[in-house]
């Protein structure tokens, strides 16, 4: 049976000399892996160029719950990028966000609110004309509630964020997994602000770099097997 769904491409892996597997977060079926025969052939209707990181797709797919690899009947770009391919900073952000999502959503079931959040943030990245230095930090922060470990931001006088407990606290925790000082303040502000205000928040680049690494550490604590991010150093170079 053929089903219609939208999808966000997260990554591809080689399957053979001419074929690939596309790992796609779909609106209807959650995280899925699709075998795409002949994707590397020049005249393929489902060519490799269609499956670039964070491409937004409109798809007709064959779906069988018992299959580890699904099939795509038809696919097209649902909202072609206007700016990302021509902007090195946005392209690097795209790579980072795709890697974060691939590590965070490996076993993600159907979740329309999460899908729509991701979809809307990708469109925002393509269209956004303001400052970009906070984009990946804001994305990491706003993704947390959908993943189920959003911080409790109730203590306005807190000087620390305890990453083990997911709480802002007044005293330094008795372990090393915490965010302190001005970085905790910036994290608290980002949690309270809407996305556009957060993108315009003034954060010193050293604090931003430290905070991003701490938030990624928070992800690692709460997502088993999260691992290392290959795209982080590239992004740090871009914003240095």
C-alpha atoms as a PDB file:
ATOM      1  CA  UNK A   1       0.000   0.000   0.000  1.00  0.00           C
ATOM      2  CA  UNK A   2       1.227   3.492  -0.894  1.00  0.00           C
ATOM      3  CA  UNK A   3       1.166   6.234   1.751  1.00  0.00           C
ATOM      4  CA  UNK A   4       1.712   9.972   1.524  1.00  0.00           C
ATOM      5  CA  UNK A   5       4.023  11.663   4.015  1.00  0.00           C
ATOM      6  CA  UNK A   6       6.375  14.574   4.367  1.00  0.00           C
ATOM      7  CA  UNK A   7       9.923  13.940   5.527  1.00  0.00           C
ATOM      8  CA  UNK A   8      13.180  15.551   6.630  1.00  0.00           C
ATOM      9  CA  UNK A   9      16.372  13.938   5.323  1.00  0.00           C
ATOM     10  CA  UNK A  10      18.923  13.447   8.103  1.00  0.00           C
ATOM     11  CA  UNK A  11      21.675  11.422   6.429  1.00  0.00           C
ATOM     12  CA  UNK A  12      22.445   8.863   3.744  1.00  0.00           C
ATOM     13  CA  UNK A  13      24.644   5.786   3.745  1.00  0.00           C
ATOM     14  CA  UNK A  14      25.992   3.886   0.760  1.00  0.00           C
ATOM     15  CA  UNK A  15      24.257   0.620  -0.066  1.00  0.00           C
ATOM     16  CA  UNK A  16      26.011  -0.311  -3.314  1.00  0.00           C
ATOM     17  CA  UNK A  17      27.834   1.358  -6.197  1.00  0.00           C
ATOM     18  CA  UNK A  18      24.555   2.811  -7.457  1.00  0.00           C
ATOM     19  CA  UNK A  19      22.196   2.759  -4.475  1.00  0.00           C
ATOM     20  CA  UNK A  20      21.907   4.382  -1.070  1.00  0.00           C
ATOM     21  CA  UNK A  21      19.909   4.252   2.153  1.00  0.00           C
ATOM     22  CA  UNK A  22      18.227   7.514   3.141  1.00  0.00           C
ATOM     23  CA  UNK A  23      17.502   8.039   6.836  1.00  0.00           C
ATOM     24  CA  UNK A  24      14.438  10.266   6.973  1.00  0.00           C
ATOM     25  CA  UNK A  25      12.339  11.611   9.841  1.00  0.00           C
ATOM     26  CA  UNK A  26       8.786  11.398   8.504  1.00  0.00           C
ATOM     27  CA  UNK A  27       5.598  13.068   9.614  1.00  0.00           C
ATOM     28  CA  UNK A  28       3.532   9.889   9.376  1.00  0.00           C
ATOM     29  CA  UNK A  29       5.897   7.088  10.405  1.00  0.00           C
ATOM     30  CA  UNK A  30       8.572   8.743  12.536  1.00  0.00           C
ATOM     31  CA  UNK A  31      12.183   7.794  11.829  1.00  0.00           C
ATOM     32  CA  UNK A  32      12.552   5.501   8.814  1.00  0.00           C
ATOM     33  CA  UNK A  33      15.292   4.126   6.564  1.00  0.00           C
ATOM     34  CA  UNK A  34      14.570   3.967   2.840  1.00  0.00           C
ATOM     35  CA  UNK A  35      16.449   1.932   0.259  1.00  0.00           C
ATOM     36  CA  UNK A  36      16.823   4.026  -2.899  1.00  0.00           C
ATOM     37  CA  UNK A  37      18.013   1.824  -5.790  1.00  0.00           C
ATOM     38  CA  UNK A  38      19.938   3.612  -8.533  1.00  0.00           C
ATOM     39  CA  UNK A  39      20.093   6.926  -6.655  1.00  0.00           C
ATOM     40  CA  UNK A  40      23.664   7.553  -7.861  1.00  0.00           C
ATOM     41  CA  UNK A  41      22.817   7.067 -11.519  1.00  0.00           C
ATOM     42  CA  UNK A  42      22.744  10.326 -13.540  1.00  0.00           C
ATOM     43  CA  UNK A  43      19.160  10.015 -14.780  1.00  0.00           C
ATOM     44  CA  UNK A  44      17.572   8.615 -11.614  1.00  0.00           C
ATOM     45  CA  UNK A  45      14.182  10.110 -10.683  1.00  0.00           C
ATOM     46  CA  UNK A  46      15.223   9.668  -7.055  1.00  0.00           C
ATOM     47  CA  UNK A  47      18.750  11.004  -7.427  1.00  0.00           C
ATOM     48  CA  UNK A  48      21.277  11.540  -4.670  1.00  0.00           C
ATOM     49  CA  UNK A  49      20.818  15.324  -4.928  1.00  0.00           C
ATOM     50  CA  UNK A  50      17.288  14.887  -3.546  1.00  0.00           C
ATOM     51  CA  UNK A  51      18.597  13.419  -0.285  1.00  0.00           C
ATOM     52  CA  UNK A  52      20.893  16.169   0.986  1.00  0.00           C
ATOM     53  CA  UNK A  53      20.869  16.887   4.763  1.00  0.00           C
ATOM     54  CA  UNK A  54      17.666  18.597   5.958  1.00  0.00           C
ATOM     55  CA  UNK A  55      16.014  18.542   2.544  1.00  0.00           C
ATOM     56  CA  UNK A  56      12.257  18.723   3.059  1.00  0.00           C
ATOM     57  CA  UNK A  57      10.481  16.082   1.005  1.00  0.00           C
ATOM     58  CA  UNK A  58       6.956  15.306  -0.091  1.00  0.00           C
ATOM     59  CA  UNK A  59       6.868  11.536  -0.595  1.00  0.00           C
ATOM     60  CA  UNK A  60       4.765   8.610  -1.718  1.00  0.00           C
ATOM     61  CA  UNK A  61       6.145   5.581   0.126  1.00  0.00           C
ATOM     62  CA  UNK A  62       5.565   1.877   0.566  1.00  0.00           C
ATOM     63  CA  UNK A  63       5.426   1.066   4.266  1.00  0.00           C
ATOM     64  CA  UNK A  64       5.413  -2.276   6.047  1.00  0.00           C
ATOM     65  CA  UNK A  65       5.917  -2.308   9.821  1.00  0.00           C
ATOM     66  CA  UNK A  66       7.969  -5.518   9.763  1.00  0.00           C
ATOM     67  CA  UNK A  67      10.526  -4.147   7.271  1.00  0.00           C
ATOM     68  CA  UNK A  68      13.726  -2.476   8.433  1.00  0.00           C
ATOM     69  CA  UNK A  69      14.164  -0.876   5.009  1.00  0.00           C
ATOM     70  CA  UNK A  70      11.200   0.831   3.388  1.00  0.00           C
ATOM     71  CA  UNK A  71      10.806   1.984  -0.229  1.00  0.00           C
ATOM     72  CA  UNK A  72       9.993   5.304  -1.858  1.00  0.00           C
ATOM     73  CA  UNK A  73       7.685   5.350  -4.856  1.00  0.00           C
ATOM     74  CA  UNK A  74       7.921   9.075  -5.576  1.00  0.00           C
ATOM     75  CA  UNK A  75       9.533  12.087  -3.899  1.00  0.00           C
ATOM     76  CA  UNK A  76       9.992  15.761  -4.592  1.00  0.00           C
ATOM     77  CA  UNK A  77      11.334  18.757  -2.706  1.00  0.00           C
ATOM     78  CA  UNK A  78       8.489  20.132  -0.620  1.00  0.00           C
ATOM     79  CA  UNK A  79      10.090  23.496   0.103  1.00  0.00           C
ATOM     80  CA  UNK A  80      13.285  23.981  -1.964  1.00  0.00           C
ATOM     81  CA  UNK A  81      15.989  25.954  -0.186  1.00  0.00           C
ATOM     82  CA  UNK A  82      16.517  29.486  -1.435  1.00  0.00           C
ATOM     83  CA  UNK A  83      19.548  30.457   0.653  1.00  0.00           C
ATOM     84  CA  UNK A  84      21.132  27.513   2.488  1.00  0.00           C
ATOM     85  CA  UNK A  85      23.082  26.101  -0.509  1.00  0.00           C
ATOM     86  CA  UNK A  86      24.665  29.504  -1.176  1.00  0.00           C
ATOM     87  CA  UNK A  87      25.526  30.467   2.420  1.00  0.00           C
ATOM     88  CA  UNK A  88      28.486  28.707   4.051  1.00  0.00           C
ATOM     89  CA  UNK A  89      27.310  29.517   7.589  1.00  0.00           C
ATOM     90  CA  UNK A  90      23.791  28.221   6.963  1.00  0.00           C
ATOM     91  CA  UNK A  91      25.196  25.137   5.228  1.00  0.00           C
ATOM     92  CA  UNK A  92      27.359  24.360   8.274  1.00  0.00           C
ATOM     93  CA  UNK A  93      24.389  24.915  10.599  1.00  0.00           C
ATOM     94  CA  UNK A  94      22.412  22.533   8.408  1.00  0.00           C
ATOM     95  CA  UNK A  95      25.084  19.856   8.790  1.00  0.00           C
ATOM     96  CA  UNK A  96      25.166  20.336  12.577  1.00  0.00           C
ATOM     97  CA  UNK A  97      21.373  20.219  13.002  1.00  0.00           C
ATOM     98  CA  UNK A  98      21.117  17.117  10.812  1.00  0.00           C
ATOM     99  CA  UNK A  99      23.735  15.364  12.956  1.00  0.00           C
ATOM    100  CA  UNK A 100      21.979  16.377  16.185  1.00  0.00           C
ATOM    101  CA  UNK A 101      18.650  15.076  14.885  1.00  0.00           C
ATOM    102  CA  UNK A 102      20.146  11.852  13.591  1.00  0.00           C
ATOM    103  CA  UNK A 103      21.632  11.112  17.020  1.00  0.00           C
ATOM    104  CA  UNK A 104      18.533  12.231  18.941  1.00  0.00           C
ATOM    105  CA  UNK A 105      15.798  10.617  16.825  1.00  0.00           C
ATOM    106  CA  UNK A 106      17.302   7.218  15.989  1.00  0.00           C
ATOM    107  CA  UNK A 107      14.292   5.329  17.341  1.00  0.00           C
ATOM    108  CA  UNK A 108      11.739   8.131  17.156  1.00  0.00           C
ATOM    109  CA  UNK A 109       8.123   7.039  16.711  1.00  0.00           C
ATOM    110  CA  UNK A 110       5.482   9.141  15.002  1.00  0.00           C
ATOM    111  CA  UNK A 111       5.352  12.565  16.670  1.00  0.00           C
ATOM    112  CA  UNK A 112       3.624  15.274  14.575  1.00  0.00           C
ATOM    113  CA  UNK A 113       4.396  18.181  16.978  1.00  0.00           C
ATOM    114  CA  UNK A 114       8.105  17.279  16.944  1.00  0.00           C
ATOM    115  CA  UNK A 115       8.060  16.893  13.168  1.00  0.00           C
ATOM    116  CA  UNK A 116       6.410  20.275  12.666  1.00  0.00           C
ATOM    117  CA  UNK A 117       8.889  21.943  15.029  1.00  0.00           C
ATOM    118  CA  UNK A 118      11.838  20.531  13.081  1.00  0.00           C
ATOM    119  CA  UNK A 119      10.242  21.361   9.733  1.00  0.00           C
ATOM    120  CA  UNK A 120       9.490  24.955  10.750  1.00  0.00           C
ATOM    121  CA  UNK A 121      12.988  25.529  12.162  1.00  0.00           C
ATOM    122  CA  UNK A 122      14.581  24.386   8.906  1.00  0.00           C
ATOM    123  CA  UNK A 123      12.411  26.785   6.917  1.00  0.00           C
ATOM    124  CA  UNK A 124      13.325  29.544   9.381  1.00  0.00           C
ATOM    125  CA  UNK A 125      17.035  28.813   8.905  1.00  0.00           C
ATOM    126  CA  UNK A 126      16.664  29.137   5.146  1.00  0.00           C
ATOM    127  CA  UNK A 127      14.717  32.410   5.329  1.00  0.00           C
ATOM    128  CA  UNK A 128      16.293  34.075   8.390  1.00  0.00           C
ATOM    129  CA  UNK A 129      18.117  37.311   7.561  1.00  0.00           C
ATOM    130  CA  UNK A 130      19.209  38.215  11.091  1.00  0.00           C
ATOM    131  CA  UNK A 131      22.217  37.084  13.161  1.00  0.00           C
ATOM    132  CA  UNK A 132      23.015  33.367  13.005  1.00  0.00           C
ATOM    133  CA  UNK A 133      25.513  32.909  15.853  1.00  0.00           C
ATOM    134  CA  UNK A 134      22.819  31.687  18.288  1.00  0.00           C
ATOM    135  CA  UNK A 135      20.884  29.532  15.821  1.00  0.00           C
ATOM    136  CA  UNK A 136      22.317  26.131  16.752  1.00  0.00           C
ATOM    137  CA  UNK A 137      22.161  26.966  20.463  1.00  0.00           C
ATOM    138  CA  UNK A 138      18.559  28.087  20.175  1.00  0.00           C
ATOM    139  CA  UNK A 139      17.671  24.964  18.189  1.00  0.00           C
ATOM    140  CA  UNK A 140      19.243  22.694  20.825  1.00  0.00           C
ATOM    141  CA  UNK A 141      17.369  24.540  23.578  1.00  0.00           C
ATOM    142  CA  UNK A 142      13.941  24.524  21.926  1.00  0.00           C
ATOM    143  CA  UNK A 143      14.259  20.865  20.891  1.00  0.00           C
ATOM    144  CA  UNK A 144      14.577  19.730  24.522  1.00  0.00           C
ATOM    145  CA  UNK A 145      10.842  19.702  25.446  1.00  0.00           C
ATOM    146  CA  UNK A 146      10.075  17.440  22.479  1.00  0.00           C
ATOM    147  CA  UNK A 147      12.762  14.986  23.581  1.00  0.00           C
ATOM    148  CA  UNK A 148      11.394  14.784  27.107  1.00  0.00           C
ATOM    149  CA  UNK A 149      14.173  16.304  29.212  1.00  0.00           C
ATOM    150  CA  UNK A 150      13.471  20.034  29.163  1.00  0.00           C
ATOM    151  CA  UNK A 151      14.974  21.881  32.143  1.00  0.00           C
ATOM    152  CA  UNK A 152      12.734  23.140  34.917  1.00  0.00           C
ATOM    153  CA  UNK A 153      13.348  26.886  34.764  1.00  0.00           C
ATOM    154  CA  UNK A 154      11.579  27.978  37.956  1.00  0.00           C
ATOM    155  CA  UNK A 155      14.396  29.263  40.189  1.00  0.00           C
ATOM    156  CA  UNK A 156      15.110  32.787  38.937  1.00  0.00           C
ATOM    157  CA  UNK A 157      17.890  33.273  41.533  1.00  0.00           C
ATOM    158  CA  UNK A 158      19.780  30.141  40.575  1.00  0.00           C
ATOM    159  CA  UNK A 159      23.455  30.435  39.695  1.00  0.00           C
ATOM    160  CA  UNK A 160      23.899  26.903  38.378  1.00  0.00           C
ATOM    161  CA  UNK A 161      22.148  24.405  36.138  1.00  0.00           C
ATOM    162  CA  UNK A 162      22.391  20.819  37.358  1.00  0.00           C
ATOM    163  CA  UNK A 163      22.510  18.674  34.202  1.00  0.00           C
ATOM    164  CA  UNK A 164      21.937  15.417  36.063  1.00  0.00           C
ATOM    165  CA  UNK A 165      18.684  16.647  37.614  1.00  0.00           C
ATOM    166  CA  UNK A 166      17.609  19.066  34.872  1.00  0.00           C
ATOM    167  CA  UNK A 167      17.193  21.854  37.432  1.00  0.00           C
ATOM    168  CA  UNK A 168      18.460  25.380  38.012  1.00  0.00           C
ATOM    169  CA  UNK A 169      19.876  25.465  41.539  1.00  0.00           C
ATOM    170  CA  UNK A 170      21.379  28.046  43.896  1.00  0.00           C
ATOM    171  CA  UNK A 171      24.472  26.085  44.937  1.00  0.00           C
ATOM    172  CA  UNK A 172      27.117  24.264  42.949  1.00  0.00           C
ATOM    173  CA  UNK A 173      26.214  20.554  42.589  1.00  0.00           C
ATOM    174  CA  UNK A 174      28.479  17.882  44.100  1.00  0.00           C
ATOM    175  CA  UNK A 175      29.447  16.565  40.649  1.00  0.00           C
ATOM    176  CA  UNK A 176      30.995  17.977  37.471  1.00  0.00           C
ATOM    177  CA  UNK A 177      27.915  17.996  35.238  1.00  0.00           C
ATOM    178  CA  UNK A 178      26.653  21.536  35.688  1.00  0.00           C
ATOM    179  CA  UNK A 179      26.494  24.898  33.924  1.00  0.00           C
ATOM    180  CA  UNK A 180      27.692  27.858  35.956  1.00  0.00           C
ATOM    181  CA  UNK A 181      27.807  31.644  36.050  1.00  0.00           C
ATOM    182  CA  UNK A 182      26.890  33.743  33.015  1.00  0.00           C
ATOM    183  CA  UNK A 183      26.427  30.646  30.843  1.00  0.00           C
ATOM    184  CA  UNK A 184      23.651  29.402  33.136  1.00  0.00           C
ATOM    185  CA  UNK A 185      22.042  32.846  32.926  1.00  0.00           C
ATOM    186  CA  UNK A 186      22.148  32.777  29.118  1.00  0.00           C
ATOM    187  CA  UNK A 187      20.712  29.257  29.097  1.00  0.00           C
ATOM    188  CA  UNK A 188      17.869  30.368  31.357  1.00  0.00           C
ATOM    189  CA  UNK A 189      17.149  33.349  29.090  1.00  0.00           C
ATOM    190  CA  UNK A 190      17.066  31.180  25.968  1.00  0.00           C
ATOM    191  CA  UNK A 191      14.562  28.851  27.614  1.00  0.00           C
ATOM    192  CA  UNK A 192      12.259  31.789  28.341  1.00  0.00           C
ATOM    193  CA  UNK A 193      12.541  33.626  25.017  1.00  0.00           C
ATOM    194  CA  UNK A 194      10.763  32.852  21.774  1.00  0.00           C
ATOM    195  CA  UNK A 195      12.965  31.706  18.901  1.00  0.00           C
ATOM    196  CA  UNK A 196      13.410  35.042  17.148  1.00  0.00           C
ATOM    197  CA  UNK A 197      14.223  36.918  20.369  1.00  0.00           C
ATOM    198  CA  UNK A 198      16.664  34.161  21.293  1.00  0.00           C
ATOM    199  CA  UNK A 199      18.418  34.508  17.943  1.00  0.00           C
ATOM    200  CA  UNK A 200      18.943  38.194  18.707  1.00  0.00           C
ATOM    201  CA  UNK A 201      20.117  37.666  22.303  1.00  0.00           C
ATOM    202  CA  UNK A 202      23.579  39.128  22.915  1.00  0.00           C
ATOM    203  CA  UNK A 203      25.894  36.356  24.165  1.00  0.00           C
ATOM    204  CA  UNK A 204      29.671  36.733  24.210  1.00  0.00           C
ATOM    205  CA  UNK A 205      31.195  34.300  21.711  1.00  0.00           C
ATOM    206  CA  UNK A 206      33.327  32.581  24.378  1.00  0.00           C
ATOM    207  CA  UNK A 207      30.282  32.047  26.602  1.00  0.00           C
ATOM    208  CA  UNK A 208      28.306  30.844  23.601  1.00  0.00           C
ATOM    209  CA  UNK A 209      30.973  28.305  22.664  1.00  0.00           C
ATOM    210  CA  UNK A 210      31.151  27.018  26.246  1.00  0.00           C
ATOM    211  CA  UNK A 211      27.374  26.889  26.589  1.00  0.00           C
ATOM    212  CA  UNK A 212      26.916  24.950  23.354  1.00  0.00           C
ATOM    213  CA  UNK A 213      29.383  22.336  24.569  1.00  0.00           C
ATOM    214  CA  UNK A 214      27.585  22.134  27.913  1.00  0.00           C
ATOM    215  CA  UNK A 215      24.154  21.737  26.295  1.00  0.00           C
ATOM    216  CA  UNK A 216      25.561  18.970  24.091  1.00  0.00           C
ATOM    217  CA  UNK A 217      26.897  17.339  27.276  1.00  0.00           C
ATOM    218  CA  UNK A 218      23.346  17.562  28.643  1.00  0.00           C
ATOM    219  CA  UNK A 219      22.126  15.708  25.547  1.00  0.00           C
ATOM    220  CA  UNK A 220      24.778  13.027  26.058  1.00  0.00           C
ATOM    221  CA  UNK A 221      23.685  12.500  29.660  1.00  0.00           C
ATOM    222  CA  UNK A 222      20.065  11.939  28.696  1.00  0.00           C
ATOM    223  CA  UNK A 223      20.367  10.127  25.335  1.00  0.00           C
ATOM    224  CA  UNK A 224      22.093   6.734  25.476  1.00  0.00           C
ATOM    225  CA  UNK A 225      24.791   6.282  22.861  1.00  0.00           C
ATOM    226  CA  UNK A 226      24.673   9.889  21.691  1.00  0.00           C
ATOM    227  CA  UNK A 227      28.406   9.896  20.937  1.00  0.00           C
ATOM    228  CA  UNK A 228      30.584  12.664  19.537  1.00  0.00           C
ATOM    229  CA  UNK A 229      29.593  15.339  17.026  1.00  0.00           C
ATOM    230  CA  UNK A 230      31.850  15.593  13.988  1.00  0.00           C
ATOM    231  CA  UNK A 231      30.268  18.846  12.814  1.00  0.00           C
ATOM    232  CA  UNK A 232      30.829  20.825  16.031  1.00  0.00           C
ATOM    233  CA  UNK A 233      34.465  21.752  15.406  1.00  0.00           C
ATOM    234  CA  UNK A 234      33.628  22.913  11.879  1.00  0.00           C
ATOM    235  CA  UNK A 235      30.865  25.121  13.236  1.00  0.00           C
ATOM    236  CA  UNK A 236      33.147  26.537  15.929  1.00  0.00           C
ATOM    237  CA  UNK A 237      35.665  27.423  13.209  1.00  0.00           C
ATOM    238  CA  UNK A 238      32.957  29.216  11.220  1.00  0.00           C
ATOM    239  CA  UNK A 239      31.937  31.333  14.225  1.00  0.00           C
ATOM    240  CA  UNK A 240      35.461  31.935  15.580  1.00  0.00           C
END
